[in-house]
């Protein structure tokens, strides 16, 4: 379709606009893809920490085997997840 719309005398301008449109689309698609992948990876990490917190509170994991900082982080994520729901 692009080739059929070319006009004599405007080739340079039309190819420049064609290139700018494709570069813009490429940047938008790459950025949005990275954002979506990042959102899913963060959600997966939060879900894994939430599952760890549930296991901690149900007694399937020994409390002493986890470092205190990790225990607090897991419990805080669990509480914030409950508050958001």
N, C-alpha and C. Protein backbone atom coordinates (compact mmCIF):
# COMPACT_ATOMS: atom_id res chain seq x y z
N UNK A 1 0.83 -1.19 0.00
CA UNK A 1 0.00 0.00 0.00
C UNK A 1 0.88 1.26 0.00
N UNK A 2 1.96 1.22 0.79
CA UNK A 2 2.85 2.37 0.86
C UNK A 2 3.48 2.65 -0.51
N UNK A 3 3.90 1.62 -1.19
CA UNK A 3 4.55 1.79 -2.49
C UNK A 3 3.57 2.39 -3.49
N UNK A 4 2.32 1.99 -3.43
CA UNK A 4 1.33 2.53 -4.36
C UNK A 4 1.02 4.00 -4.08
N UNK A 5 1.24 4.46 -2.85
CA UNK A 5 0.92 5.85 -2.52
C UNK A 5 2.08 6.81 -2.75
N UNK A 6 3.23 6.33 -3.20
CA UNK A 6 4.37 7.21 -3.47
C UNK A 6 4.09 8.12 -4.65
N UNK A 7 4.51 9.39 -4.48
CA UNK A 7 4.32 10.37 -5.55
C UNK A 7 5.68 10.89 -6.00
N UNK A 8 5.80 11.11 -7.26
CA UNK A 8 7.05 11.60 -7.83
C UNK A 8 7.38 12.97 -7.24
N UNK A 9 8.64 13.15 -6.82
CA UNK A 9 9.07 14.42 -6.25
C UNK A 9 8.97 14.47 -4.73
N UNK A 10 8.26 13.55 -4.14
CA UNK A 10 8.09 13.53 -2.68
C UNK A 10 8.67 12.27 -2.05
N UNK A 11 9.50 11.54 -2.79
CA UNK A 11 10.03 10.27 -2.29
C UNK A 11 10.79 10.43 -0.97
N UNK A 12 11.69 11.40 -0.93
CA UNK A 12 12.51 11.59 0.28
C UNK A 12 11.63 11.89 1.48
N UNK A 13 10.71 12.81 1.36
CA UNK A 13 9.82 13.18 2.45
C UNK A 13 8.96 11.98 2.89
N UNK A 14 8.42 11.26 1.92
CA UNK A 14 7.55 10.13 2.24
C UNK A 14 8.33 9.01 2.96
N UNK A 15 9.55 8.75 2.52
CA UNK A 15 10.35 7.72 3.20
C UNK A 15 10.79 8.18 4.58
N UNK A 16 11.06 9.48 4.76
CA UNK A 16 11.40 9.98 6.09
C UNK A 16 10.21 9.81 7.05
N UNK A 17 9.03 10.16 6.58
CA UNK A 17 7.84 10.00 7.43
C UNK A 17 7.56 8.53 7.72
N UNK A 18 7.78 7.69 6.72
CA UNK A 18 7.61 6.25 6.88
C UNK A 18 8.56 5.73 7.97
N UNK A 19 9.80 6.18 7.93
CA UNK A 19 10.80 5.76 8.93
C UNK A 19 10.43 6.27 10.32
N UNK A 20 10.01 7.54 10.43
CA UNK A 20 9.64 8.09 11.75
C UNK A 20 8.45 7.36 12.35
N UNK A 21 7.49 7.05 11.53
CA UNK A 21 6.31 6.33 12.03
C UNK A 21 6.72 4.96 12.56
N UNK A 22 7.57 4.26 11.84
CA UNK A 22 7.97 2.93 12.28
C UNK A 22 8.88 2.97 13.50
N UNK A 23 9.75 3.96 13.60
CA UNK A 23 10.58 4.11 14.80
C UNK A 23 9.71 4.42 16.02
N UNK A 24 8.73 5.29 15.85
CA UNK A 24 7.83 5.63 16.95
C UNK A 24 7.04 4.41 17.40
N UNK A 25 6.51 3.67 16.47
CA UNK A 25 5.77 2.45 16.81
C UNK A 25 6.67 1.44 17.51
N UNK A 26 7.90 1.29 17.03
CA UNK A 26 8.83 0.37 17.66
C UNK A 26 9.11 0.76 19.10
N UNK A 27 9.36 2.04 19.34
CA UNK A 27 9.62 2.50 20.71
C UNK A 27 8.42 2.27 21.62
N UNK A 28 7.24 2.57 21.15
CA UNK A 28 6.04 2.39 21.95
C UNK A 28 5.81 0.92 22.28
N UNK A 29 5.96 0.06 21.30
CA UNK A 29 5.72 -1.37 21.51
C UNK A 29 6.76 -1.96 22.46
N UNK A 30 8.03 -1.60 22.28
CA UNK A 30 9.08 -2.13 23.15
C UNK A 30 8.87 -1.67 24.59
N UNK A 31 8.57 -0.38 24.78
CA UNK A 31 8.37 0.12 26.13
C UNK A 31 7.16 -0.52 26.80
N UNK A 32 6.07 -0.65 26.08
CA UNK A 32 4.88 -1.25 26.68
C UNK A 32 5.11 -2.73 26.99
N UNK A 33 5.87 -3.42 26.15
CA UNK A 33 6.18 -4.82 26.42
C UNK A 33 7.02 -4.96 27.68
N UNK A 34 8.01 -4.10 27.84
CA UNK A 34 8.85 -4.13 29.04
C UNK A 34 8.01 -3.83 30.28
N UNK A 35 7.10 -2.89 30.20
CA UNK A 35 6.25 -2.54 31.34
C UNK A 35 5.37 -3.72 31.73
N UNK A 36 4.77 -4.38 30.76
CA UNK A 36 3.89 -5.52 31.05
C UNK A 36 4.68 -6.67 31.66
N UNK A 37 5.85 -6.98 31.10
CA UNK A 37 6.68 -8.06 31.64
C UNK A 37 7.09 -7.73 33.07
N UNK A 38 7.45 -6.49 33.34
CA UNK A 38 7.83 -6.08 34.68
C UNK A 38 6.66 -6.21 35.65
N UNK A 39 5.47 -5.83 35.23
CA UNK A 39 4.29 -5.95 36.09
C UNK A 39 4.04 -7.40 36.48
N UNK A 40 4.15 -8.32 35.51
CA UNK A 40 3.91 -9.73 35.81
C UNK A 40 5.00 -10.31 36.71
N UNK A 41 6.25 -9.89 36.53
CA UNK A 41 7.32 -10.42 37.38
C UNK A 41 7.17 -9.92 38.81
N UNK A 42 6.78 -8.66 38.99
CA UNK A 42 6.56 -8.13 40.34
C UNK A 42 5.39 -8.84 40.99
N UNK A 43 4.33 -9.09 40.24
CA UNK A 43 3.17 -9.80 40.80
C UNK A 43 3.56 -11.21 41.22
N UNK A 44 4.41 -11.87 40.41
CA UNK A 44 4.84 -13.22 40.75
C UNK A 44 5.65 -13.21 42.03
N UNK A 45 6.56 -12.25 42.19
CA UNK A 45 7.35 -12.15 43.42
C UNK A 45 6.45 -11.91 44.62
N UNK A 46 5.48 -11.02 44.48
CA UNK A 46 4.58 -10.74 45.60
C UNK A 46 3.76 -11.97 45.96
N UNK A 47 3.31 -12.71 44.96
CA UNK A 47 2.53 -13.91 45.23
C UNK A 47 3.38 -14.97 45.91
N UNK A 48 4.64 -15.12 45.50
CA UNK A 48 5.52 -16.09 46.15
C UNK A 48 5.76 -15.70 47.60
N UNK A 49 5.93 -14.41 47.86
CA UNK A 49 6.13 -13.97 49.24
C UNK A 49 4.87 -14.15 50.06
N UNK A 50 3.73 -13.94 49.42
CA UNK A 50 2.46 -14.14 50.12
C UNK A 50 2.27 -15.60 50.49
N UNK A 51 2.61 -16.50 49.56
CA UNK A 51 2.50 -17.93 49.85
C UNK A 51 3.44 -18.30 50.99
N UNK A 52 4.64 -17.74 50.98
CA UNK A 52 5.57 -17.99 52.07
C UNK A 52 5.02 -17.50 53.40
N UNK A 53 4.36 -16.36 53.38
CA UNK A 53 3.75 -15.84 54.60
C UNK A 53 2.61 -16.71 55.09
N UNK A 54 1.82 -17.25 54.17
CA UNK A 54 0.73 -18.14 54.56
C UNK A 54 1.28 -19.43 55.15
N UNK A 55 2.36 -19.95 54.55
CA UNK A 55 2.98 -21.15 55.10
C UNK A 55 3.57 -20.89 56.46
N UNK A 56 4.08 -19.69 56.66
CA UNK A 56 4.66 -19.32 57.95
C UNK A 56 3.59 -19.28 59.03
N UNK A 57 2.45 -18.72 58.70
CA UNK A 57 1.40 -18.60 59.71
C UNK A 57 0.67 -19.90 59.94
N UNK A 58 0.64 -20.81 58.96
CA UNK A 58 -0.05 -22.08 59.15
C UNK A 58 0.84 -23.13 59.80
N UNK A 59 2.13 -22.84 59.94
CA UNK A 59 3.02 -23.76 60.65
C UNK A 59 3.77 -24.72 59.75
N UNK A 60 3.68 -24.60 58.43
CA UNK A 60 4.39 -25.54 57.57
C UNK A 60 5.88 -25.20 57.46
N UNK A 61 6.26 -23.99 57.78
CA UNK A 61 7.67 -23.60 57.78
C UNK A 61 8.07 -23.25 59.21
N UNK A 62 9.25 -23.69 59.58
CA UNK A 62 9.71 -23.38 60.93
C UNK A 62 10.02 -21.89 61.03
N UNK A 63 9.57 -21.27 62.09
CA UNK A 63 9.76 -19.83 62.25
C UNK A 63 11.23 -19.48 62.39
N UNK A 64 11.99 -20.32 63.03
CA UNK A 64 13.40 -20.02 63.27
C UNK A 64 14.26 -20.17 62.02
N UNK A 65 13.76 -20.83 60.98
CA UNK A 65 14.58 -21.03 59.78
C UNK A 65 14.62 -19.79 58.89
N UNK A 66 13.73 -18.83 59.11
CA UNK A 66 13.70 -17.62 58.31
C UNK A 66 14.36 -16.48 59.08
N UNK A 67 15.13 -15.64 58.40
CA UNK A 67 15.70 -14.48 59.08
C UNK A 67 14.60 -13.50 59.50
N UNK A 68 14.82 -12.76 60.57
CA UNK A 68 13.78 -11.85 61.08
C UNK A 68 13.34 -10.80 60.07
N UNK A 69 14.28 -10.28 59.27
CA UNK A 69 13.91 -9.24 58.30
C UNK A 69 12.97 -9.81 57.24
N UNK A 70 13.25 -11.03 56.79
CA UNK A 70 12.39 -11.67 55.79
C UNK A 70 11.02 -11.98 56.38
N UNK A 71 11.01 -12.42 57.63
CA UNK A 71 9.73 -12.71 58.29
C UNK A 71 8.87 -11.46 58.38
N UNK A 72 9.48 -10.35 58.76
CA UNK A 72 8.72 -9.09 58.85
C UNK A 72 8.22 -8.66 57.48
N UNK A 73 9.06 -8.83 56.46
CA UNK A 73 8.65 -8.43 55.11
C UNK A 73 7.48 -9.29 54.62
N UNK A 74 7.56 -10.59 54.85
CA UNK A 74 6.49 -11.48 54.42
C UNK A 74 5.20 -11.14 55.16
N UNK A 75 5.29 -10.93 56.45
CA UNK A 75 4.09 -10.60 57.22
C UNK A 75 3.51 -9.25 56.82
N UNK A 76 4.37 -8.28 56.55
CA UNK A 76 3.86 -6.97 56.13
C UNK A 76 3.18 -7.06 54.77
N UNK A 77 3.75 -7.85 53.85
CA UNK A 77 3.10 -8.04 52.55
C UNK A 77 1.76 -8.74 52.71
N UNK A 78 1.70 -9.71 53.60
CA UNK A 78 0.46 -10.43 53.84
C UNK A 78 -0.61 -9.48 54.39
N UNK A 79 -0.22 -8.64 55.32
CA UNK A 79 -1.18 -7.69 55.91
C UNK A 79 -1.63 -6.66 54.88
N UNK A 80 -0.70 -6.14 54.10
CA UNK A 80 -1.11 -5.15 53.08
C UNK A 80 -1.99 -5.79 52.02
N UNK A 81 -1.75 -7.05 51.69
CA UNK A 81 -2.59 -7.75 50.72
C UNK A 81 -4.00 -7.92 51.29
N UNK A 82 -4.10 -8.22 52.58
CA UNK A 82 -5.42 -8.35 53.20
C UNK A 82 -6.16 -7.01 53.22
N UNK A 83 -5.42 -5.95 53.48
CA UNK A 83 -6.05 -4.62 53.53
C UNK A 83 -6.55 -4.21 52.15
N UNK A 84 -5.79 -4.55 51.09
CA UNK A 84 -6.19 -4.18 49.73
C UNK A 84 -7.44 -4.91 49.27
N UNK A 85 -7.65 -6.09 49.77
CA UNK A 85 -8.81 -6.90 49.33
C UNK A 85 -10.02 -6.37 49.98
